Amino acid sequence: MDSATSDARTPLGASADNGLKIVVVGGFGVGKTTLVRSVSEIRPLNTEETMTKAGEAVDDISEVRGKSATTVAFDFGRITLDARNVLYLFGAPGQERFWFLWDRLFSGTLGAVVLVDTRRIDDSWYAIDRLEHHGTPFIVACNDFGGPAYAPQQIREALDLDPHVPLLDCDARSRASAKQVLITLVEHVKSGYGTQGPARPQVPVPHQELAL
């Protein structure tokens, strides 16, 4: 999948004092880096390295033959919501050998996006299991790789999703689509976690800022 970059590169205002952390997680090659790049208002920080022949013996690349680079730590991007609130986006590495980093990335997270390639849906189970273990609210976004279409109920059953977990389609290369994914997550956090459980920061949902 081709990556996309953001056109807007704006400095962070001095008045912004509420940083809200979101993690994008999922299997190897599902488009996490692409989503962070497409939606970030700053030039994203990427820790991508060129894939080598040696790595083929460790990572299963049978379904991602066109992939030439991979994240080895995390991706980082940012979206300003308003004068005082900023979303910080962290894209987690997808290979199994880097999963030990996930628990630390989940620390202090407002919520998470589980990005799914429906051609390789089994790759998403571990991400969902770890988020549920941490009690982190999340949504599931099916990235469009041009594969066969499945009914939402089929995907829910394959992932054993709770009925309250939002499920939507997206194109990680599209800025508008990626923003809709984040809007869905923030609304899910506000509606499902705003009045129960541990105290969480108040989260604005400024559609005029996130939506194109």
C-alpha atoms as a PDB file:
ATOM      1  CA  MET A   1       0.000   0.000   0.000  1.00  0.00           C
ATOM      2  CA  ASP A   2       1.346   3.423  -0.889  1.00  0.00           C
ATOM      3  CA  SER A   3       2.005   5.761   2.008  1.00  0.00           C
ATOM      4  CA  ALA A   4       0.635   9.273   2.272  1.00  0.00           C
ATOM      5  CA  THR A   5       1.967  12.380   3.920  1.00  0.00           C
ATOM      6  CA  SER A   6       0.230  15.370   5.457  1.00  0.00           C
ATOM      7  CA  ASP A   7       0.328  18.716   3.687  1.00  0.00           C
ATOM      8  CA  ALA A   8      -0.020  20.843   6.831  1.00  0.00           C
ATOM      9  CA  ARG A   9       3.072  21.284   9.031  1.00  0.00           C
ATOM     10  CA  THR A  10       2.170  23.578  11.946  1.00  0.00           C
ATOM     11  CA  PRO A  11       4.037  24.336  15.183  1.00  0.00           C
ATOM     12  CA  LEU A  12       2.448  23.470  18.521  1.00  0.00           C
ATOM     13  CA  GLY A  13       0.855  26.489  20.201  1.00  0.00           C
ATOM     14  CA  ALA A  14       2.263  27.575  23.549  1.00  0.00           C
ATOM     15  CA  SER A  15      -1.197  27.329  25.190  1.00  0.00           C
ATOM     16  CA  ALA A  16      -1.673  23.606  24.478  1.00  0.00           C
ATOM     17  CA  ASP A  17      -1.433  21.818  27.825  1.00  0.00           C
ATOM     18  CA  ASN A  18      -3.607  18.691  27.496  1.00  0.00           C
ATOM     19  CA  GLY A  19      -1.960  15.889  25.520  1.00  0.00           C
ATOM     20  CA  LEU A  20      -4.239  12.969  24.637  1.00  0.00           C
ATOM     21  CA  LYS A  21      -2.525   9.761  23.559  1.00  0.00           C
ATOM     22  CA  ILE A  22      -3.930   7.393  20.918  1.00  0.00           C
ATOM     23  CA  VAL A  23      -2.236   4.195  19.756  1.00  0.00           C
ATOM     24  CA  VAL A  24      -2.695   2.619  16.318  1.00  0.00           C
ATOM     25  CA  VAL A  25      -2.028  -1.102  16.545  1.00  0.00           C
ATOM     26  CA  GLY A  26      -2.476  -4.215  14.422  1.00  0.00           C
ATOM     27  CA  GLY A  27      -0.656  -6.901  12.497  1.00  0.00           C
ATOM     28  CA  PHE A  28       2.385  -6.636  10.283  1.00  0.00           C
ATOM     29  CA  GLY A  29       1.826  -4.499   7.182  1.00  0.00           C
ATOM     30  CA  VAL A  30      -1.792  -3.471   7.867  1.00  0.00           C
ATOM     31  CA  GLY A  31      -1.123   0.256   7.250  1.00  0.00           C
ATOM     32  CA  LYS A  32      -0.418   1.723  10.693  1.00  0.00           C
ATOM     33  CA  THR A  33       2.459   3.910   9.501  1.00  0.00           C
ATOM     34  CA  THR A  34       0.396   5.021   6.507  1.00  0.00           C
ATOM     35  CA  LEU A  35      -2.538   6.075   8.708  1.00  0.00           C
ATOM     36  CA  VAL A  36      -0.330   8.115  11.048  1.00  0.00           C
ATOM     37  CA  ARG A  37       1.351   9.797   8.067  1.00  0.00           C
ATOM     38  CA  SER A  38      -1.893  10.625   6.332  1.00  0.00           C
ATOM     39  CA  VAL A  39      -3.553  12.311   9.294  1.00  0.00           C
ATOM     40  CA  SER A  40      -0.699  13.985  11.200  1.00  0.00           C
ATOM     41  CA  GLU A  41      -0.425  17.755  10.962  1.00  0.00           C
ATOM     42  CA  ILE A  42       3.333  17.576  11.518  1.00  0.00           C
ATOM     43  CA  ARG A  43       5.970  15.629   9.664  1.00  0.00           C
ATOM     44  CA  PRO A  44       5.647  12.292  11.437  1.00  0.00           C
ATOM     45  CA  LEU A  45       8.479  10.668  13.299  1.00  0.00           C
ATOM     46  CA  ASN A  46       9.019   7.236  11.761  1.00  0.00           C
ATOM     47  CA  THR A  47      11.376   4.494  12.904  1.00  0.00           C
ATOM     48  CA  GLU A  48      11.250   2.563   9.637  1.00  0.00           C
ATOM     49  CA  GLU A  49      14.145   0.406   8.513  1.00  0.00           C
ATOM     50  CA  THR A  50      14.692  -1.331   5.189  1.00  0.00           C
ATOM     51  CA  MET A  51      13.580  -4.952   5.222  1.00  0.00           C
ATOM     52  CA  THR A  52      16.395  -7.395   4.522  1.00  0.00           C
ATOM     53  CA  LYS A  53      16.751 -10.998   3.422  1.00  0.00           C
ATOM     54  CA  ALA A  54      17.738 -11.904   6.977  1.00  0.00           C
ATOM     55  CA  GLY A  55      14.415 -10.575   8.251  1.00  0.00           C
ATOM     56  CA  GLU A  56      12.485 -12.877   5.951  1.00  0.00           C
ATOM     57  CA  ALA A  57      13.504 -15.785   8.143  1.00  0.00           C
ATOM     58  CA  VAL A  58      11.876 -14.065  11.154  1.00  0.00           C
ATOM     59  CA  ASP A  59       8.860 -12.166   9.787  1.00  0.00           C
ATOM     60  CA  ASP A  60       6.119 -13.718   7.678  1.00  0.00           C
ATOM     61  CA  ILE A  61       6.088 -11.551   4.548  1.00  0.00           C
ATOM     62  CA  SER A  62       4.042 -13.907   2.378  1.00  0.00           C
ATOM     63  CA  GLU A  63       1.071 -11.512   2.410  1.00  0.00           C
ATOM     64  CA  VAL A  64       3.068  -8.271   2.167  1.00  0.00           C
ATOM     65  CA  ARG A  65       5.443  -8.969  -0.714  1.00  0.00           C
ATOM     66  CA  GLY A  66       5.511  -5.329  -1.813  1.00  0.00           C
ATOM     67  CA  LYS A  67       6.608  -4.034   1.589  1.00  0.00           C
ATOM     68  CA  SER A  68      10.185  -2.707   1.577  1.00  0.00           C
ATOM     69  CA  ALA A  69      10.437  -1.047   5.016  1.00  0.00           C
ATOM     70  CA  THR A  70       9.059  -1.772   8.464  1.00  0.00           C
ATOM     71  CA  THR A  71       8.588   0.040  11.785  1.00  0.00           C
ATOM     72  CA  VAL A  72      11.026  -1.120  14.464  1.00  0.00           C
ATOM     73  CA  ALA A  73       9.956   1.103  17.406  1.00  0.00           C
ATOM     74  CA  PHE A  74       6.928   3.313  16.755  1.00  0.00           C
ATOM     75  CA  ASP A  75       5.507   6.039  14.541  1.00  0.00           C
ATOM     76  CA  PHE A  76       4.544   9.392  16.038  1.00  0.00           C
ATOM     77  CA  GLY A  77       2.196  12.102  14.772  1.00  0.00           C
ATOM     78  CA  ARG A  78       0.080  14.927  16.149  1.00  0.00           C
ATOM     79  CA  ILE A  79      -3.286  16.628  15.616  1.00  0.00           C
ATOM     80  CA  THR A  80      -4.296  19.884  17.326  1.00  0.00           C
ATOM     81  CA  LEU A  81      -7.918  19.720  18.487  1.00  0.00           C
ATOM     82  CA  ASP A  82      -8.180  23.248  19.870  1.00  0.00           C
ATOM     83  CA  ALA A  83      -6.052  25.810  21.714  1.00  0.00           C
ATOM     84  CA  ARG A  84      -5.533  23.552  24.733  1.00  0.00           C
ATOM     85  CA  ASN A  85      -5.990  19.961  23.496  1.00  0.00           C
ATOM     86  CA  VAL A  86      -3.684  17.919  21.278  1.00  0.00           C
ATOM     87  CA  LEU A  87      -3.901  14.313  20.074  1.00  0.00           C
ATOM     88  CA  TYR A  88      -0.624  12.425  20.008  1.00  0.00           C
ATOM     89  CA  LEU A  89      -0.676   9.412  17.677  1.00  0.00           C
ATOM     90  CA  PHE A  90       1.573   6.406  18.207  1.00  0.00           C
ATOM     91  CA  GLY A  91       1.768   3.668  15.601  1.00  0.00           C
ATOM     92  CA  ALA A  92       2.924   0.365  17.115  1.00  0.00           C
ATOM     93  CA  PRO A  93       5.255  -2.055  15.300  1.00  0.00           C
ATOM     94  CA  GLY A  94       3.429  -5.054  13.860  1.00  0.00           C
ATOM     95  CA  GLN A  95       5.961  -7.889  13.881  1.00  0.00           C
ATOM     96  CA  GLU A  96       5.640 -10.429  16.674  1.00  0.00           C
ATOM     97  CA  ARG A  97       9.258  -9.882  17.739  1.00  0.00           C
ATOM     98  CA  PHE A  98       8.382  -6.259  18.685  1.00  0.00           C
ATOM     99  CA  TRP A  99       5.168  -7.007  20.594  1.00  0.00           C
ATOM    100  CA  PHE A 100       7.005  -6.579  23.904  1.00  0.00           C
ATOM    101  CA  LEU A 101       6.883  -2.808  23.200  1.00  0.00           C
ATOM    102  CA  TRP A 102       3.090  -2.709  23.075  1.00  0.00           C
ATOM    103  CA  ASP A 103       2.376  -2.784  26.813  1.00  0.00           C
ATOM    104  CA  ARG A 104       4.540   0.301  27.321  1.00  0.00           C
ATOM    105  CA  LEU A 105       2.893   2.091  24.407  1.00  0.00           C
ATOM    106  CA  PHE A 106      -0.538   1.354  25.899  1.00  0.00           C
ATOM    107  CA  SER A 107       0.402   3.068  29.181  1.00  0.00           C
ATOM    108  CA  GLY A 108      -1.549   6.313  29.592  1.00  0.00           C
ATOM    109  CA  THR A 109      -3.470   5.766  26.372  1.00  0.00           C
ATOM    110  CA  LEU A 110      -6.852   7.403  25.925  1.00  0.00           C
ATOM    111  CA  GLY A 111      -7.875   4.773  23.374  1.00  0.00           C
ATOM    112  CA  ALA A 112      -6.641   2.674  20.484  1.00  0.00           C
ATOM    113  CA  VAL A 113      -7.373   1.915  16.849  1.00  0.00           C
ATOM    114  CA  VAL A 114      -6.977  -1.722  15.830  1.00  0.00           C
ATOM    115  CA  LEU A 115      -6.220  -1.648  12.114  1.00  0.00           C
ATOM    116  CA  VAL A 116      -7.232  -4.838  10.304  1.00  0.00           C
ATOM    117  CA  ASP A 117      -6.461  -6.380   6.933  1.00  0.00           C
ATOM    118  CA  THR A 118      -9.444  -8.699   6.375  1.00  0.00           C
ATOM    119  CA  ARG A 119      -7.266 -10.988   4.236  1.00  0.00           C
ATOM    120  CA  ARG A 120      -5.217 -11.725   7.386  1.00  0.00           C
ATOM    121  CA  ILE A 121      -7.734 -11.277  10.159  1.00  0.00           C
ATOM    122  CA  ASP A 122      -5.959 -13.676  12.533  1.00  0.00           C
ATOM    123  CA  ASP A 123      -3.132 -11.139  12.830  1.00  0.00           C
ATOM    124  CA  SER A 124      -5.463  -8.842  14.799  1.00  0.00           C
ATOM    125  CA  TRP A 125      -6.274 -11.173  17.675  1.00  0.00           C
ATOM    126  CA  TYR A 126      -3.210 -10.405  19.772  1.00  0.00           C
ATOM    127  CA  ALA A 127      -3.782  -6.638  19.606  1.00  0.00           C
ATOM    128  CA  ILE A 128      -7.388  -7.015  20.761  1.00  0.00           C
ATOM    129  CA  ASP A 129      -6.366  -9.404  23.531  1.00  0.00           C
ATOM    130  CA  ARG A 130      -3.744  -6.997  24.910  1.00  0.00           C
ATOM    131  CA  LEU A 131      -6.090  -3.987  24.776  1.00  0.00           C
ATOM    132  CA  GLU A 132      -8.797  -5.910  26.597  1.00  0.00           C
ATOM    133  CA  HIS A 133      -6.202  -7.028  29.152  1.00  0.00           C
ATOM    134  CA  HIS A 134      -5.273  -3.380  29.815  1.00  0.00           C
ATOM    135  CA  GLY A 135      -8.906  -2.228  29.829  1.00  0.00           C
ATOM    136  CA  THR A 136      -8.116   0.222  27.013  1.00  0.00           C
ATOM    137  CA  PRO A 137     -11.113   1.347  24.922  1.00  0.00           C
ATOM    138  CA  PHE A 138     -10.642   0.656  21.229  1.00  0.00           C
ATOM    139  CA  ILE A 139     -12.326   0.557  17.858  1.00  0.00           C
ATOM    140  CA  VAL A 140     -11.641  -1.675  14.857  1.00  0.00           C
ATOM    141  CA  ALA A 141     -10.977  -0.179  11.412  1.00  0.00           C
ATOM    142  CA  CYS A 142     -10.736  -2.468   8.368  1.00  0.00           C
ATOM    143  CA  ASN A 143      -8.173  -1.038   5.958  1.00  0.00           C
ATOM    144  CA  ASP A 144      -9.032  -1.318   2.269  1.00  0.00           C
ATOM    145  CA  PHE A 145      -6.556  -3.557   0.480  1.00  0.00           C
ATOM    146  CA  GLY A 146      -8.946  -4.437  -2.327  1.00  0.00           C
ATOM    147  CA  GLY A 147      -9.622  -7.935  -1.006  1.00  0.00           C
ATOM    148  CA  PRO A 148     -12.980  -9.719  -0.767  1.00  0.00           C
ATOM    149  CA  ALA A 149     -15.742  -7.854   1.045  1.00  0.00           C
ATOM    150  CA  TYR A 150     -17.136  -9.291   4.260  1.00  0.00           C
ATOM    151  CA  ALA A 151     -20.306  -8.352   6.107  1.00  0.00           C
ATOM    152  CA  PRO A 152     -19.674  -6.518   9.401  1.00  0.00           C
ATOM    153  CA  GLN A 153     -21.213  -9.388  11.342  1.00  0.00           C
ATOM    154  CA  GLN A 154     -18.760 -11.821   9.756  1.00  0.00           C
ATOM    155  CA  ILE A 155     -15.836  -9.676  10.859  1.00  0.00           C
ATOM    156  CA  ARG A 156     -17.264  -9.288  14.361  1.00  0.00           C
ATOM    157  CA  GLU A 157     -17.626 -13.037  14.687  1.00  0.00           C
ATOM    158  CA  ALA A 158     -14.120 -13.681  13.346  1.00  0.00           C
ATOM    159  CA  LEU A 159     -12.641 -11.226  15.863  1.00  0.00           C
ATOM    160  CA  ASP A 160     -15.061 -12.161  18.662  1.00  0.00           C
ATOM    161  CA  LEU A 161     -15.814  -8.456  19.134  1.00  0.00           C
ATOM    162  CA  ASP A 162     -18.101  -7.218  21.875  1.00  0.00           C
ATOM    163  CA  PRO A 163     -21.217  -5.564  20.394  1.00  0.00           C
ATOM    164  CA  HIS A 164     -20.271  -2.156  21.833  1.00  0.00           C
ATOM    165  CA  VAL A 165     -16.926  -1.996  19.965  1.00  0.00           C
ATOM    166  CA  PRO A 166     -17.309   0.224  16.861  1.00  0.00           C
ATOM    167  CA  LEU A 167     -16.338  -1.384  13.540  1.00  0.00           C
ATOM    168  CA  LEU A 168     -15.804   0.653  10.377  1.00  0.00           C
ATOM    169  CA  ASP A 169     -14.076   0.533   6.997  1.00  0.00           C
ATOM    170  CA  CYS A 170     -11.280   2.918   6.120  1.00  0.00           C
ATOM    171  CA  ASP A 171      -8.551   3.727   3.624  1.00  0.00           C
ATOM    172  CA  ALA A 172      -5.415   4.554   5.611  1.00  0.00           C
ATOM    173  CA  ARG A 173      -4.021   6.512   2.635  1.00  0.00           C
ATOM    174  CA  SER A 174      -6.920   8.978   2.782  1.00  0.00           C
ATOM    175  CA  ARG A 175      -6.632  11.900   5.205  1.00  0.00           C
ATOM    176  CA  ALA A 176     -10.424  12.234   5.389  1.00  0.00           C
ATOM    177  CA  SER A 177     -10.895   8.529   6.063  1.00  0.00           C
ATOM    178  CA  ALA A 178      -8.170   8.457   8.731  1.00  0.00           C
ATOM    179  CA  LYS A 179      -9.724  11.459  10.465  1.00  0.00           C
ATOM    180  CA  GLN A 180     -13.095   9.725  10.525  1.00  0.00           C
ATOM    181  CA  VAL A 181     -11.442   6.775  12.258  1.00  0.00           C
ATOM    182  CA  LEU A 182     -10.105   9.087  14.987  1.00  0.00           C
ATOM    183  CA  ILE A 183     -13.448  10.848  15.356  1.00  0.00           C
ATOM    184  CA  THR A 184     -15.129   7.467  15.832  1.00  0.00           C
ATOM    185  CA  LEU A 185     -12.611   6.497  18.514  1.00  0.00           C
ATOM    186  CA  VAL A 186     -12.933   9.775  20.439  1.00  0.00           C
ATOM    187  CA  GLU A 187     -16.731   9.582  20.334  1.00  0.00           C
ATOM    188  CA  HIS A 188     -16.550   5.978  21.553  1.00  0.00           C
ATOM    189  CA  VAL A 189     -14.334   7.012  24.478  1.00  0.00           C
ATOM    190  CA  LYS A 190     -16.670   9.884  25.399  1.00  0.00           C
ATOM    191  CA  SER A 191     -19.877   7.874  25.166  1.00  0.00           C
ATOM    192  CA  GLY A 192     -18.673   4.657  26.761  1.00  0.00           C
ATOM    193  CA  TYR A 193     -16.115   5.783  29.300  1.00  0.00           C
ATOM    194  CA  GLY A 194     -16.940   9.376  30.140  1.00  0.00           C
ATOM    195  CA  THR A 195     -18.996   8.616  33.251  1.00  0.00           C
ATOM    196  CA  GLN A 196     -17.641   5.290  34.487  1.00  0.00           C
ATOM    197  CA  GLY A 197     -14.442   3.597  35.535  1.00  0.00           C
ATOM    198  CA  PRO A 198     -11.197   5.469  36.324  1.00  0.00           C
ATOM    199  CA  ALA A 199     -11.112   9.190  35.729  1.00  0.00           C
ATOM    200  CA  ARG A 200     -10.159  10.042  32.154  1.00  0.00           C
ATOM    201  CA  PRO A 201      -9.384  13.455  30.672  1.00  0.00           C
ATOM    202  CA  GLN A 202     -12.266  15.402  29.191  1.00  0.00           C
ATOM    203  CA  VAL A 203     -12.069  14.947  25.437  1.00  0.00           C
ATOM    204  CA  PRO A 204     -13.464  17.496  22.991  1.00  0.00           C
ATOM    205  CA  VAL A 205     -14.735  16.226  19.651  1.00  0.00           C
ATOM    206  CA  PRO A 206     -14.248  19.283  17.411  1.00  0.00           C
ATOM    207  CA  HIS A 207     -15.563  17.953  14.085  1.00  0.00           C
ATOM    208  CA  GLN A 208     -14.674  21.244  12.430  1.00  0.00           C
ATOM    209  CA  GLU A 209     -11.028  20.517  13.282  1.00  0.00           C
ATOM    210  CA  LEU A 210     -10.847  16.782  12.553  1.00  0.00           C
ATOM    211  CA  ALA A 211     -13.201  16.573   9.596  1.00  0.00           C
ATOM    212  CA  LEU A 212     -12.133  17.901   6.207  1.00  0.00           C
END
